[in-house]
Amino acid sequence: IEQMMEDEDARTNLIVNYLPQSMSQDELRSLFSSVGDVESAKLIRDKVAGHSLGYGFVNFVNPSDAERAISTLNGLRLQSKTIKVSFARPSSDTIKDANLYISGLPRTLSQQDLEDMFTHYGHIINSRVLVDQASGLSRGVAFIRFDKRAEAEDAVKHLNGHTPPGSSEPITVKFAANPNQARNSQMMSQMYHGQSRRFGGPVHHQAQRFRFSPMSVDHMGGGGGVSGNSSSGWCIFIYNLGQDADEAILWQMFGPFGAVVNVKVIRDFNTNKCKGFGFVTMTNYEEAAMAIHSLNGYRLGDKVLQVSFKTSKGHK
């Protein structure tokens, strides 16, 4: 029975990405009701602060309406956003982990160029080029999520090490770190153990390697006194880190979500081992919220991380 329900749902349940920040759940419902009978519409909001995370789910009564909603509303411009409408499909092994991380891209490459380069390998669900907040220029780093894992594997096979036209540098295409997954915790533990060998030099030079943030030079300062929402960024608290955790791990985990100002692992004064927690400060609220949303519950080695905004004492 459950399987039947899931199959039904798979044909009527849509995920809607890139919604304008100000759009309400009622507005989402009424937009989609213009196509057909909507059984439910849910806007996903931040559990604590209550603001929209910019995406939601719409479940139609009839599969034919769901298909029509995709063909009529996908690509619709709302305020400054172009919304993306696709089947939400229940999680299954064929679609899990189809998210790719691409680095070394030419700075002039747009999101459209990126999709054009990858679209040959399968159906792209969404893509994102990371942009430097200060200059507005691409950081040469992007994410692409394919519909199916096999398509993503195909793209890695053909495009990893490929030099895009007009560029002198080959790009790196690999699977993005994905929470709670054996293959991933294996990758993360390799990151721990291969650290000094792979990166050379002491860990506090990590910042240069990750190129994510122009402001990442000072690891040690900035960890103290940054309350939830001070002007210097949003402080994120990470709990349940292993004792071998170091700053590099935090850069690697949080860097892909956006501009990281600094990272700090709290160490035992005597043993210099991590005491199980650390802090990351990110410039943008949306990126910080996305990082928390994606990494809370993440399995790193044999531990499950707890990731949340650091709440400063004194106000709720």
C-alpha atoms as a PDB file:
ATOM      1  CA  ILE A   1       0.000   0.000   0.000  1.00  0.00           C
ATOM      2  CA  GLU A   2       2.738   2.442   0.984  1.00  0.00           C
ATOM      3  CA  GLN A   3       4.484   1.830  -2.314  1.00  0.00           C
ATOM      4  CA  MET A   4       1.274   2.599  -4.187  1.00  0.00           C
ATOM      5  CA  MET A   5       0.795   5.797  -2.223  1.00  0.00           C
ATOM      6  CA  GLU A   6       4.368   6.797  -3.025  1.00  0.00           C
ATOM      7  CA  ASP A   7       3.904   6.118  -6.721  1.00  0.00           C
ATOM      8  CA  GLU A   8       0.767   8.236  -6.700  1.00  0.00           C
ATOM      9  CA  ASP A   9       2.534  11.019  -4.852  1.00  0.00           C
ATOM     10  CA  ALA A  10       5.465  10.899  -7.218  1.00  0.00           C
ATOM     11  CA  ARG A  11       3.165  11.911 -10.063  1.00  0.00           C
ATOM     12  CA  THR A  12       1.367  14.748  -8.276  1.00  0.00           C
ATOM     13  CA  ASN A  13       3.910  16.189  -5.835  1.00  0.00           C
ATOM     14  CA  LEU A  14       6.023  19.112  -7.078  1.00  0.00           C
ATOM     15  CA  ILE A  15       8.964  20.946  -5.597  1.00  0.00           C
ATOM     16  CA  VAL A  16       9.169  24.661  -6.358  1.00  0.00           C
ATOM     17  CA  ASN A  17      12.602  26.299  -6.087  1.00  0.00           C
ATOM     18  CA  TYR A  18      13.836  29.920  -6.227  1.00  0.00           C
ATOM     19  CA  LEU A  19      10.671  31.499  -4.779  1.00  0.00           C
ATOM     20  CA  PRO A  20      10.821  35.225  -3.933  1.00  0.00           C
ATOM     21  CA  GLN A  21      11.645  35.770  -0.259  1.00  0.00           C
ATOM     22  CA  SER A  22       8.388  37.632   0.359  1.00  0.00           C
ATOM     23  CA  MET A  23       6.045  35.047  -1.148  1.00  0.00           C
ATOM     24  CA  SER A  24       3.625  33.495   1.361  1.00  0.00           C
ATOM     25  CA  GLN A  25       2.226  29.971   1.493  1.00  0.00           C
ATOM     26  CA  ASP A  26      -1.226  31.263   0.474  1.00  0.00           C
ATOM     27  CA  GLU A  27       0.277  32.992  -2.546  1.00  0.00           C
ATOM     28  CA  LEU A  28       2.095  29.799  -3.486  1.00  0.00           C
ATOM     29  CA  ARG A  29      -1.162  27.863  -3.244  1.00  0.00           C
ATOM     30  CA  SER A  30      -3.153  30.367  -5.285  1.00  0.00           C
ATOM     31  CA  LEU A  31      -0.496  30.535  -8.013  1.00  0.00           C
ATOM     32  CA  PHE A  32      -0.678  26.762  -8.488  1.00  0.00           C
ATOM     33  CA  SER A  33      -4.452  26.584  -8.024  1.00  0.00           C
ATOM     34  CA  SER A  34      -4.704  28.519 -11.275  1.00  0.00           C
ATOM     35  CA  VAL A  35      -3.624  25.284 -12.996  1.00  0.00           C
ATOM     36  CA  GLY A  36      -5.847  22.772 -11.187  1.00  0.00           C
ATOM     37  CA  ASP A  37      -7.023  21.411  -7.827  1.00  0.00           C
ATOM     38  CA  VAL A  38      -4.274  21.658  -5.230  1.00  0.00           C
ATOM     39  CA  GLU A  39      -4.419  19.134  -2.408  1.00  0.00           C
ATOM     40  CA  SER A  40      -1.722  20.830  -0.346  1.00  0.00           C
ATOM     41  CA  ALA A  41       0.865  23.584  -0.626  1.00  0.00           C
ATOM     42  CA  LYS A  42       3.702  24.005   1.836  1.00  0.00           C
ATOM     43  CA  LEU A  43       6.224  26.813   1.944  1.00  0.00           C
ATOM     44  CA  ILE A  44       9.384  25.758   3.775  1.00  0.00           C
ATOM     45  CA  ARG A  45      10.335  28.216   6.478  1.00  0.00           C
ATOM     46  CA  ASP A  46      13.269  28.508   8.853  1.00  0.00           C
ATOM     47  CA  LYS A  47      12.201  26.676  12.022  1.00  0.00           C
ATOM     48  CA  VAL A  48      13.598  29.325  14.307  1.00  0.00           C
ATOM     49  CA  ALA A  49      13.384  32.699  12.577  1.00  0.00           C
ATOM     50  CA  GLY A  50      10.320  31.865  10.506  1.00  0.00           C
ATOM     51  CA  HIS A  51      11.437  33.443   7.228  1.00  0.00           C
ATOM     52  CA  SER A  52      10.938  31.614   3.913  1.00  0.00           C
ATOM     53  CA  LEU A  53      13.822  29.428   2.732  1.00  0.00           C
ATOM     54  CA  GLY A  54      12.770  30.122  -0.850  1.00  0.00           C
ATOM     55  CA  TYR A  55      11.284  26.765  -1.761  1.00  0.00           C
ATOM     56  CA  GLY A  56       8.139  24.764  -1.205  1.00  0.00           C
ATOM     57  CA  PHE A  57       6.050  21.746  -2.203  1.00  0.00           C
ATOM     58  CA  VAL A  58       2.743  21.637  -4.041  1.00  0.00           C
ATOM     59  CA  ASN A  59       0.710  18.426  -4.268  1.00  0.00           C
ATOM     60  CA  PHE A  60      -2.002  18.298  -6.925  1.00  0.00           C
ATOM     61  CA  VAL A  61      -5.083  16.090  -6.903  1.00  0.00           C
ATOM     62  CA  ASN A  62      -4.528  15.007 -10.537  1.00  0.00           C
ATOM     63  CA  PRO A  63      -1.244  13.953 -12.159  1.00  0.00           C
ATOM     64  CA  SER A  64      -2.237  15.717 -15.406  1.00  0.00           C
ATOM     65  CA  ASP A  65      -2.487  19.054 -13.545  1.00  0.00           C
ATOM     66  CA  ALA A  66       0.927  18.493 -11.979  1.00  0.00           C
ATOM     67  CA  GLU A  67       2.422  17.990 -15.436  1.00  0.00           C
ATOM     68  CA  ARG A  68       0.659  21.059 -16.738  1.00  0.00           C
ATOM     69  CA  ALA A  69       1.936  23.099 -13.783  1.00  0.00           C
ATOM     70  CA  ILE A  70       5.492  22.118 -14.719  1.00  0.00           C
ATOM     71  CA  SER A  71       5.015  23.085 -18.353  1.00  0.00           C
ATOM     72  CA  THR A  72       3.249  26.392 -17.607  1.00  0.00           C
ATOM     73  CA  LEU A  73       4.926  27.623 -14.412  1.00  0.00           C
ATOM     74  CA  ASN A  74       8.514  26.353 -14.659  1.00  0.00           C
ATOM     75  CA  GLY A  75      10.705  29.333 -15.633  1.00  0.00           C
ATOM     76  CA  LEU A  76       8.084  31.887 -14.600  1.00  0.00           C
ATOM     77  CA  ARG A  77       9.581  35.234 -13.519  1.00  0.00           C
ATOM     78  CA  LEU A  78       8.335  36.376 -10.108  1.00  0.00           C
ATOM     79  CA  GLN A  79       9.787  39.638  -8.840  1.00  0.00           C
ATOM     80  CA  SER A  80      13.505  39.207  -9.464  1.00  0.00           C
ATOM     81  CA  LYS A  81      13.419  35.409  -9.415  1.00  0.00           C
ATOM     82  CA  THR A  82      12.863  32.750 -12.051  1.00  0.00           C
ATOM     83  CA  ILE A  83      11.058  29.879 -10.359  1.00  0.00           C
ATOM     84  CA  LYS A  84      11.849  26.246 -11.036  1.00  0.00           C
ATOM     85  CA  VAL A  85       9.061  23.656 -10.895  1.00  0.00           C
ATOM     86  CA  SER A  86       9.763  19.916 -11.037  1.00  0.00           C
ATOM     87  CA  PHE A  87       8.541  16.610  -9.613  1.00  0.00           C
ATOM     88  CA  ALA A  88       9.563  16.249  -5.978  1.00  0.00           C
ATOM     89  CA  ARG A  89       9.862  12.479  -6.302  1.00  0.00           C
ATOM     90  CA  PRO A  90      10.256  10.438  -3.130  1.00  0.00           C
ATOM     91  CA  SER A  91      13.842   9.694  -2.198  1.00  0.00           C
ATOM     92  CA  SER A  92      15.177   6.625  -3.919  1.00  0.00           C
ATOM     93  CA  ASP A  93      18.618   5.299  -4.751  1.00  0.00           C
ATOM     94  CA  THR A  94      18.411   6.267  -8.412  1.00  0.00           C
ATOM     95  CA  ILE A  95      18.060   9.955  -7.546  1.00  0.00           C
ATOM     96  CA  LYS A  96      20.066  10.191  -4.331  1.00  0.00           C
ATOM     97  CA  ASP A  97      23.414  11.957  -4.414  1.00  0.00           C
ATOM     98  CA  ALA A  98      23.135  13.448  -7.876  1.00  0.00           C
ATOM     99  CA  ASN A  99      24.591  16.761  -6.715  1.00  0.00           C
ATOM    100  CA  LEU A 100      27.879  17.846  -8.292  1.00  0.00           C
ATOM    101  CA  TYR A 101      30.486  20.335  -7.115  1.00  0.00           C
ATOM    102  CA  ILE A 102      32.432  22.067  -9.880  1.00  0.00           C
ATOM    103  CA  SER A 103      35.522  24.204  -9.349  1.00  0.00           C
ATOM    104  CA  GLY A 104      38.130  25.917 -11.524  1.00  0.00           C
ATOM    105  CA  LEU A 105      35.473  27.458 -13.792  1.00  0.00           C
ATOM    106  CA  PRO A 106      36.323  30.538 -15.864  1.00  0.00           C
ATOM    107  CA  ARG A 107      35.180  33.644 -13.968  1.00  0.00           C
ATOM    108  CA  THR A 108      33.197  34.819 -16.985  1.00  0.00           C
ATOM    109  CA  LEU A 109      31.056  31.691 -17.115  1.00  0.00           C
ATOM    110  CA  SER A 110      27.360  32.377 -16.388  1.00  0.00           C
ATOM    111  CA  GLN A 111      24.797  30.041 -14.856  1.00  0.00           C
ATOM    112  CA  GLN A 112      23.329  29.553 -18.340  1.00  0.00           C
ATOM    113  CA  ASP A 113      26.759  28.668 -19.811  1.00  0.00           C
ATOM    114  CA  LEU A 114      27.217  26.189 -16.988  1.00  0.00           C
ATOM    115  CA  GLU A 115      23.877  24.487 -17.667  1.00  0.00           C
ATOM    116  CA  ASP A 116      24.629  24.430 -21.397  1.00  0.00           C
ATOM    117  CA  MET A 117      27.891  22.630 -20.676  1.00  0.00           C
ATOM    118  CA  PHE A 118      26.221  19.988 -18.465  1.00  0.00           C
ATOM    119  CA  THR A 119      22.750  19.595 -19.955  1.00  0.00           C
ATOM    120  CA  HIS A 120      24.057  17.093 -22.493  1.00  0.00           C
ATOM    121  CA  TYR A 121      24.428  14.510 -19.694  1.00  0.00           C
ATOM    122  CA  GLY A 122      20.922  14.583 -18.277  1.00  0.00           C
ATOM    123  CA  HIS A 123      18.071  16.576 -16.796  1.00  0.00           C
ATOM    124  CA  ILE A 124      19.329  19.372 -14.538  1.00  0.00           C
ATOM    125  CA  ILE A 125      17.140  20.026 -11.469  1.00  0.00           C
ATOM    126  CA  ASN A 126      18.959  23.154 -10.363  1.00  0.00           C
ATOM    127  CA  SER A 127      22.311  24.854 -10.593  1.00  0.00           C
ATOM    128  CA  ARG A 128      24.119  27.589  -8.758  1.00  0.00           C
ATOM    129  CA  VAL A 129      27.269  29.577  -9.489  1.00  0.00           C
ATOM    130  CA  LEU A 130      28.820  31.015  -6.315  1.00  0.00           C
ATOM    131  CA  VAL A 131      29.374  34.746  -6.572  1.00  0.00           C
ATOM    132  CA  ASP A 132      31.684  36.954  -4.582  1.00  0.00           C
ATOM    133  CA  GLN A 133      29.386  39.304  -2.646  1.00  0.00           C
ATOM    134  CA  ALA A 134      31.751  42.253  -2.780  1.00  0.00           C
ATOM    135  CA  SER A 135      32.679  42.252  -6.471  1.00  0.00           C
ATOM    136  CA  GLY A 136      29.661  40.449  -7.922  1.00  0.00           C
ATOM    137  CA  LEU A 137      32.047  38.212  -9.880  1.00  0.00           C
ATOM    138  CA  SER A 138      31.882  34.444 -10.098  1.00  0.00           C
ATOM    139  CA  ARG A 139      34.177  32.574  -7.710  1.00  0.00           C
ATOM    140  CA  GLY A 140      34.706  29.868 -10.299  1.00  0.00           C
ATOM    141  CA  VAL A 141      32.778  27.418  -8.139  1.00  0.00           C
ATOM    142  CA  ALA A 142      29.319  25.952  -8.806  1.00  0.00           C
ATOM    143  CA  PHE A 143      26.833  23.231  -7.935  1.00  0.00           C
ATOM    144  CA  ILE A 144      24.599  21.271 -10.290  1.00  0.00           C
ATOM    145  CA  ARG A 145      21.944  18.789  -9.245  1.00  0.00           C
ATOM    146  CA  PHE A 146      20.912  16.211 -11.812  1.00  0.00           C
ATOM    147  CA  ASP A 147      17.682  14.291 -11.861  1.00  0.00           C
ATOM    148  CA  LYS A 148      19.448  10.932 -11.512  1.00  0.00           C
ATOM    149  CA  ARG A 149      22.703   9.774 -10.033  1.00  0.00           C
ATOM    150  CA  ALA A 150      23.658   7.954 -13.244  1.00  0.00           C
ATOM    151  CA  GLU A 151      23.462  11.249 -15.150  1.00  0.00           C
ATOM    152  CA  ALA A 152      25.696  12.937 -12.593  1.00  0.00           C
ATOM    153  CA  GLU A 153      28.191  10.064 -12.846  1.00  0.00           C
ATOM    154  CA  ASP A 154      28.213  10.487 -16.605  1.00  0.00           C
ATOM    155  CA  ALA A 155      28.944  14.205 -16.267  1.00  0.00           C
ATOM    156  CA  VAL A 156      31.822  13.526 -13.849  1.00  0.00           C
ATOM    157  CA  LYS A 157      33.276  10.946 -16.244  1.00  0.00           C
ATOM    158  CA  HIS A 158      33.221  13.297 -19.233  1.00  0.00           C
ATOM    159  CA  LEU A 159      33.793  16.726 -17.720  1.00  0.00           C
ATOM    160  CA  ASN A 160      36.183  16.227 -14.796  1.00  0.00           C
ATOM    161  CA  GLY A 161      39.574  17.478 -16.035  1.00  0.00           C
ATOM    162  CA  HIS A 162      37.959  18.967 -19.148  1.00  0.00           C
ATOM    163  CA  THR A 163      39.108  22.439 -20.237  1.00  0.00           C
ATOM    164  CA  PRO A 164      36.137  24.620 -21.259  1.00  0.00           C
ATOM    165  CA  PRO A 165      36.454  26.524 -24.561  1.00  0.00           C
ATOM    166  CA  GLY A 166      38.277  29.807 -24.085  1.00  0.00           C
ATOM    167  CA  SER A 167      39.835  28.672 -20.818  1.00  0.00           C
ATOM    168  CA  SER A 168      43.364  27.509 -20.125  1.00  0.00           C
ATOM    169  CA  GLU A 169      42.504  25.649 -16.918  1.00  0.00           C
ATOM    170  CA  PRO A 170      40.814  22.251 -16.631  1.00  0.00           C
ATOM    171  CA  ILE A 171      37.768  22.150 -14.350  1.00  0.00           C
ATOM    172  CA  THR A 172      37.217  19.751 -11.448  1.00  0.00           C
ATOM    173  CA  VAL A 173      33.852  17.987 -11.327  1.00  0.00           C
ATOM    174  CA  LYS A 174      33.047  15.743  -8.387  1.00  0.00           C
ATOM    175  CA  PHE A 175      30.157  14.677  -6.206  1.00  0.00           C
ATOM    176  CA  ALA A 176      29.252  17.296  -3.635  1.00  0.00           C
ATOM    177  CA  ALA A 177      29.590  16.160  -0.048  1.00  0.00           C
ATOM    178  CA  ASN A 178      26.245  14.720   0.832  1.00  0.00           C
ATOM    179  CA  PRO A 179      25.062  14.202   4.407  1.00  0.00           C
ATOM    180  CA  ASN A 180      24.586  10.848   6.098  1.00  0.00           C
ATOM    181  CA  GLN A 181      26.094   8.480   3.755  1.00  0.00           C
ATOM    182  CA  ALA A 182      28.776   5.859   4.169  1.00  0.00           C
ATOM    183  CA  ARG A 183      30.727   6.794   1.083  1.00  0.00           C
ATOM    184  CA  ASN A 184      30.749  10.337   2.303  1.00  0.00           C
ATOM    185  CA  SER A 185      31.934   9.738   5.831  1.00  0.00           C
ATOM    186  CA  GLN A 186      34.702   7.697   4.270  1.00  0.00           C
ATOM    187  CA  MET A 187      35.638  10.690   2.145  1.00  0.00           C
ATOM    188  CA  MET A 188      35.534  12.922   5.195  1.00  0.00           C
ATOM    189  CA  SER A 189      37.725  10.613   7.209  1.00  0.00           C
ATOM    190  CA  GLN A 190      40.202  10.577   4.341  1.00  0.00           C
ATOM    191  CA  MET A 191      40.137  14.335   4.605  1.00  0.00           C
ATOM    192  CA  TYR A 192      41.056  14.071   8.265  1.00  0.00           C
ATOM    193  CA  HIS A 193      43.822  11.597   7.903  1.00  0.00           C
ATOM    194  CA  GLY A 194      45.285  12.706   4.635  1.00  0.00           C
ATOM    195  CA  GLN A 195      45.198  16.314   5.734  1.00  0.00           C
ATOM    196  CA  SER A 196      48.812  17.313   6.205  1.00  0.00           C
ATOM    197  CA  ARG A 197      49.945  15.083   3.387  1.00  0.00           C
ATOM    198  CA  ARG A 198      47.407  16.385   0.884  1.00  0.00           C
ATOM    199  CA  PHE A 199      47.543  20.062   1.634  1.00  0.00           C
ATOM    200  CA  GLY A 200      51.104  20.492   2.781  1.00  0.00           C
ATOM    201  CA  GLY A 201      51.974  23.017   5.417  1.00  0.00           C
ATOM    202  CA  PRO A 202      50.154  23.874   8.599  1.00  0.00           C
ATOM    203  CA  VAL A 203      46.425  23.998   8.654  1.00  0.00           C
ATOM    204  CA  HIS A 204      46.058  27.703   9.263  1.00  0.00           C
ATOM    205  CA  HIS A 205      47.047  28.345   5.655  1.00  0.00           C
ATOM    206  CA  GLN A 206      43.948  26.513   4.547  1.00  0.00           C
ATOM    207  CA  ALA A 207      42.107  29.684   3.720  1.00  0.00           C
ATOM    208  CA  GLN A 208      44.050  30.253   0.527  1.00  0.00           C
ATOM    209  CA  ARG A 209      43.232  26.835  -0.773  1.00  0.00           C
ATOM    210  CA  PHE A 210      39.498  27.250  -0.531  1.00  0.00           C
ATOM    211  CA  ARG A 211      39.236  30.635  -2.236  1.00  0.00           C
ATOM    212  CA  PHE A 212      35.714  30.994  -0.906  1.00  0.00           C
ATOM    213  CA  SER A 213      36.127  34.121   1.072  1.00  0.00           C
ATOM    214  CA  PRO A 214      38.289  37.144   0.705  1.00  0.00           C
ATOM    215  CA  MET A 215      37.918  37.786   4.409  1.00  0.00           C
ATOM    216  CA  SER A 216      39.062  34.457   5.672  1.00  0.00           C
ATOM    217  CA  VAL A 217      42.560  35.358   6.720  1.00  0.00           C
ATOM    218  CA  ASP A 218      41.985  35.631  10.417  1.00  0.00           C
ATOM    219  CA  HIS A 219      40.918  32.295  11.877  1.00  0.00           C
ATOM    220  CA  MET A 220      41.468  33.114  15.462  1.00  0.00           C
ATOM    221  CA  GLY A 221      39.762  36.447  15.800  1.00  0.00           C
ATOM    222  CA  GLY A 222      36.082  36.930  15.205  1.00  0.00           C
ATOM    223  CA  GLY A 223      34.982  33.737  16.899  1.00  0.00           C
ATOM    224  CA  GLY A 224      34.321  35.559  20.131  1.00  0.00           C
ATOM    225  CA  GLY A 225      31.632  38.119  20.457  1.00  0.00           C
ATOM    226  CA  VAL A 226      29.847  37.394  17.217  1.00  0.00           C
ATOM    227  CA  SER A 227      26.261  37.100  18.232  1.00  0.00           C
ATOM    228  CA  GLY A 228      23.560  35.611  16.031  1.00  0.00           C
ATOM    229  CA  ASN A 229      23.295  38.603  13.771  1.00  0.00           C
ATOM    230  CA  SER A 230      26.055  41.099  14.208  1.00  0.00           C
ATOM    231  CA  SER A 231      27.261  43.111  11.259  1.00  0.00           C
ATOM    232  CA  SER A 232      30.314  40.906  10.866  1.00  0.00           C
ATOM    233  CA  GLY A 233      28.254  37.899   9.852  1.00  0.00           C
ATOM    234  CA  TRP A 234      26.180  35.010  11.138  1.00  0.00           C
ATOM    235  CA  CYS A 235      27.808  32.763  13.663  1.00  0.00           C
ATOM    236  CA  ILE A 236      27.045  29.065  13.334  1.00  0.00           C
ATOM    237  CA  PHE A 237      27.670  26.595  16.163  1.00  0.00           C
ATOM    238  CA  ILE A 238      28.794  23.048  15.272  1.00  0.00           C
ATOM    239  CA  TYR A 239      28.560  20.434  18.002  1.00  0.00           C
ATOM    240  CA  ASN A 240      29.741  16.801  18.218  1.00  0.00           C
ATOM    241  CA  LEU A 241      32.898  17.126  16.114  1.00  0.00           C
ATOM    242  CA  GLY A 242      35.495  14.367  16.467  1.00  0.00           C
ATOM    243  CA  GLN A 243      38.649  15.150  18.444  1.00  0.00           C
ATOM    244  CA  ASP A 244      40.735  15.202  15.257  1.00  0.00           C
ATOM    245  CA  ALA A 245      38.556  17.845  13.638  1.00  0.00           C
ATOM    246  CA  ASP A 246      40.437  20.891  12.437  1.00  0.00           C
ATOM    247  CA  GLU A 247      39.743  24.192  10.690  1.00  0.00           C
ATOM    248  CA  ALA A 248      40.251  22.665   7.242  1.00  0.00           C
ATOM    249  CA  ILE A 249      37.303  20.332   7.750  1.00  0.00           C
ATOM    250  CA  LEU A 250      35.051  23.281   8.590  1.00  0.00           C
ATOM    251  CA  TRP A 251      36.238  25.193   5.514  1.00  0.00           C
ATOM    252  CA  GLN A 252      35.508  22.183   3.347  1.00  0.00           C
ATOM    253  CA  MET A 253      32.068  21.636   4.805  1.00  0.00           C
ATOM    254  CA  PHE A 254      30.826  25.224   4.879  1.00  0.00           C
ATOM    255  CA  GLY A 255      32.761  26.842   2.024  1.00  0.00           C
ATOM    256  CA  PRO A 256      30.520  25.418  -0.709  1.00  0.00           C
ATOM    257  CA  PHE A 257      27.462  27.158   0.750  1.00  0.00           C
ATOM    258  CA  GLY A 258      28.832  30.683   0.433  1.00  0.00           C
ATOM    259  CA  ALA A 259      31.130  33.295   1.885  1.00  0.00           C
ATOM    260  CA  VAL A 260      32.806  32.090   5.069  1.00  0.00           C
ATOM    261  CA  VAL A 261      34.415  34.834   7.163  1.00  0.00           C
ATOM    262  CA  ASN A 262      36.247  32.551   9.549  1.00  0.00           C
ATOM    263  CA  VAL A 263      36.204  29.164  11.197  1.00  0.00           C
ATOM    264  CA  LYS A 264      37.338  28.103  14.641  1.00  0.00           C
ATOM    265  CA  VAL A 265      37.704  24.705  16.271  1.00  0.00           C
ATOM    266  CA  ILE A 266      37.675  24.810  20.077  1.00  0.00           C
ATOM    267  CA  ARG A 267      40.638  22.814  21.363  1.00  0.00           C
ATOM    268  CA  ASP A 268      41.611  21.412  24.717  1.00  0.00           C
ATOM    269  CA  PHE A 269      44.387  23.612  26.075  1.00  0.00           C
ATOM    270  CA  ASN A 270      46.555  20.666  27.150  1.00  0.00           C
ATOM    271  CA  THR A 271      46.054  18.050  24.452  1.00  0.00           C
ATOM    272  CA  ASN A 272      45.309  20.429  21.557  1.00  0.00           C
ATOM    273  CA  LYS A 273      42.544  17.997  20.501  1.00  0.00           C
ATOM    274  CA  CYS A 274      39.169  19.340  19.412  1.00  0.00           C
ATOM    275  CA  LYS A 275      36.756  19.515  22.353  1.00  0.00           C
ATOM    276  CA  GLY A 276      33.844  18.528  20.155  1.00  0.00           C
ATOM    277  CA  PHE A 277      32.651  21.880  18.949  1.00  0.00           C
ATOM    278  CA  GLY A 278      33.508  24.755  16.690  1.00  0.00           C
ATOM    279  CA  PHE A 279      32.185  27.950  15.111  1.00  0.00           C
ATOM    280  CA  VAL A 280      31.854  29.149  11.553  1.00  0.00           C
ATOM    281  CA  THR A 281      30.960  32.721  10.646  1.00  0.00           C
ATOM    282  CA  MET A 282      29.244  33.290   7.294  1.00  0.00           C
ATOM    283  CA  THR A 283      28.511  36.624   5.632  1.00  0.00           C
ATOM    284  CA  ASN A 284      25.045  35.937   4.243  1.00  0.00           C
ATOM    285  CA  TYR A 285      21.997  34.927   6.188  1.00  0.00           C
ATOM    286  CA  GLU A 286      20.500  32.831   3.363  1.00  0.00           C
ATOM    287  CA  GLU A 287      23.744  30.964   2.781  1.00  0.00           C
ATOM    288  CA  ALA A 288      24.208  30.351   6.505  1.00  0.00           C
ATOM    289  CA  ALA A 289      20.609  29.111   6.793  1.00  0.00           C
ATOM    290  CA  MET A 290      21.157  26.805   3.827  1.00  0.00           C
ATOM    291  CA  ALA A 291      24.380  25.432   5.351  1.00  0.00           C
ATOM    292  CA  ILE A 292      22.587  24.739   8.642  1.00  0.00           C
ATOM    293  CA  HIS A 293      19.626  23.183   6.846  1.00  0.00           C
ATOM    294  CA  SER A 294      21.976  20.899   4.880  1.00  0.00           C
ATOM    295  CA  LEU A 295      24.591  20.048   7.510  1.00  0.00           C
ATOM    296  CA  ASN A 296      22.544  19.624  10.690  1.00  0.00           C
ATOM    297  CA  GLY A 297      22.365  15.855  11.178  1.00  0.00           C
ATOM    298  CA  TYR A 298      25.368  15.358   8.879  1.00  0.00           C
ATOM    299  CA  ARG A 299      27.407  12.256   9.676  1.00  0.00           C
ATOM    300  CA  LEU A 300      31.107  13.052   9.948  1.00  0.00           C
ATOM    301  CA  GLY A 301      33.213   9.989  10.661  1.00  0.00           C
ATOM    302  CA  ASP A 302      31.236   8.148  13.335  1.00  0.00           C
ATOM    303  CA  LYS A 303      29.505  11.214  14.763  1.00  0.00           C
ATOM    304  CA  VAL A 304      26.292  13.002  13.826  1.00  0.00           C
ATOM    305  CA  LEU A 305      26.769  16.760  13.871  1.00  0.00           C
ATOM    306  CA  GLN A 306      24.409  19.288  15.382  1.00  0.00           C
ATOM    307  CA  VAL A 307      24.552  22.569  13.497  1.00  0.00           C
ATOM    308  CA  SER A 308      22.598  25.684  14.469  1.00  0.00           C
ATOM    309  CA  PHE A 309      22.828  29.459  14.677  1.00  0.00           C
ATOM    310  CA  LYS A 310      24.772  30.439  17.755  1.00  0.00           C
ATOM    311  CA  THR A 311      22.320  32.216  20.011  1.00  0.00           C
ATOM    312  CA  SER A 312      23.792  35.077  21.913  1.00  0.00           C
ATOM    313  CA  LYS A 313      22.910  35.353  25.572  1.00  0.00           C
ATOM    314  CA  GLY A 314      20.420  37.967  26.511  1.00  0.00           C
ATOM    315  CA  HIS A 315      17.884  37.920  23.737  1.00  0.00           C
ATOM    316  CA  LYS A 316      15.700  35.119  22.448  1.00  0.00           C
END
